[in-house]
């Protein structure tokens, strides 16, 4: 893990409400996304505020480096 990964996990631990709702039409739906790593990563998570719980559903990293075939 790099430092931006750890920072994103710290945000989820301390203030999980900082993420953007996955569905703007249902902002209280409980599923959020938090970009990290200068926009090269995205954490999708479920916030269960009444249980003081965050479940990470998906972590996506983008790699824009060209790779030879």
Protein backbone atom coordinates (compact mmCIF):
# COMPACT_ATOMS: atom_id res chain seq x y z
CA UNK A 1 0.00 0.00 0.00
CA UNK A 2 1.18 3.51 -0.72
CA UNK A 3 0.64 6.55 1.48
CA UNK A 4 -2.42 7.72 -0.49
CA UNK A 5 -4.06 4.32 0.10
CA UNK A 6 -3.46 4.63 3.83
CA UNK A 7 -4.75 8.22 3.85
CA UNK A 8 -7.96 7.12 2.13
CA UNK A 9 -8.49 4.36 4.69
CA UNK A 10 -7.89 6.88 7.49
CA UNK A 11 -10.59 9.13 6.02
CA UNK A 12 -13.01 6.19 5.97
CA UNK A 13 -12.19 5.46 9.59
CA UNK A 14 -12.50 9.05 10.83
CA UNK A 15 -15.09 10.76 8.58
CA UNK A 16 -16.72 8.28 6.21
CA UNK A 17 -19.38 10.86 5.30
CA UNK A 18 -16.78 12.68 3.14
CA UNK A 19 -17.38 10.34 0.21
CA UNK A 20 -19.81 11.14 -2.59
CA UNK A 21 -23.07 9.17 -2.81
CA UNK A 22 -22.91 6.49 -5.50
CA UNK A 23 -26.44 7.43 -6.59
CA UNK A 24 -27.03 11.20 -6.59
CA UNK A 25 -30.78 10.58 -6.81
CA UNK A 26 -30.59 8.69 -3.50
CA UNK A 27 -27.94 10.47 -1.40
CA UNK A 28 -29.06 8.72 1.79
CA UNK A 29 -28.76 5.25 0.23
CA UNK A 30 -25.64 4.46 2.23
CA UNK A 31 -23.30 3.58 -0.67
CA UNK A 32 -20.50 6.09 -1.26
CA UNK A 33 -17.35 6.53 -3.33
CA UNK A 34 -14.10 8.11 -2.24
CA UNK A 35 -11.38 8.90 -4.82
CA UNK A 36 -7.75 8.66 -3.72
CA UNK A 37 -4.25 8.74 -5.17
CA UNK A 38 -4.75 11.90 -7.26
CA UNK A 39 -7.82 10.35 -8.85
CA UNK A 40 -6.14 7.07 -9.82
CA UNK A 41 -8.08 5.06 -7.27
CA UNK A 42 -11.64 4.78 -6.07
CA UNK A 43 -13.09 3.12 -2.97
CA UNK A 44 -16.76 2.15 -3.05
CA UNK A 45 -18.16 1.49 0.41
CA UNK A 46 -21.31 0.98 2.44
CA UNK A 47 -21.80 3.29 5.42
CA UNK A 48 -23.93 1.86 8.22
CA UNK A 49 -23.95 4.91 10.49
CA UNK A 50 -26.37 3.42 13.02
CA UNK A 51 -23.90 0.56 13.56
CA UNK A 52 -20.81 2.82 13.40
CA UNK A 53 -19.60 0.56 10.57
CA UNK A 54 -18.01 0.96 7.12
CA UNK A 55 -17.85 -2.00 4.72
CA UNK A 56 -15.49 -1.60 1.78
CA UNK A 57 -17.21 -3.08 -1.26
CA UNK A 58 -14.72 -2.39 -4.05
CA UNK A 59 -11.30 -0.79 -4.50
CA UNK A 60 -10.34 0.20 -8.04
CA UNK A 61 -6.88 1.34 -9.18
CA UNK A 62 -6.23 2.79 -12.62
CA UNK A 63 -2.83 2.37 -14.27
CA UNK A 64 -2.14 4.72 -17.15
CA UNK A 65 1.37 3.43 -17.85
CA UNK A 66 1.84 1.97 -21.28
CA UNK A 67 2.77 -1.69 -21.25
CA UNK A 68 4.53 -3.35 -24.18
CA UNK A 69 2.69 -6.25 -25.77
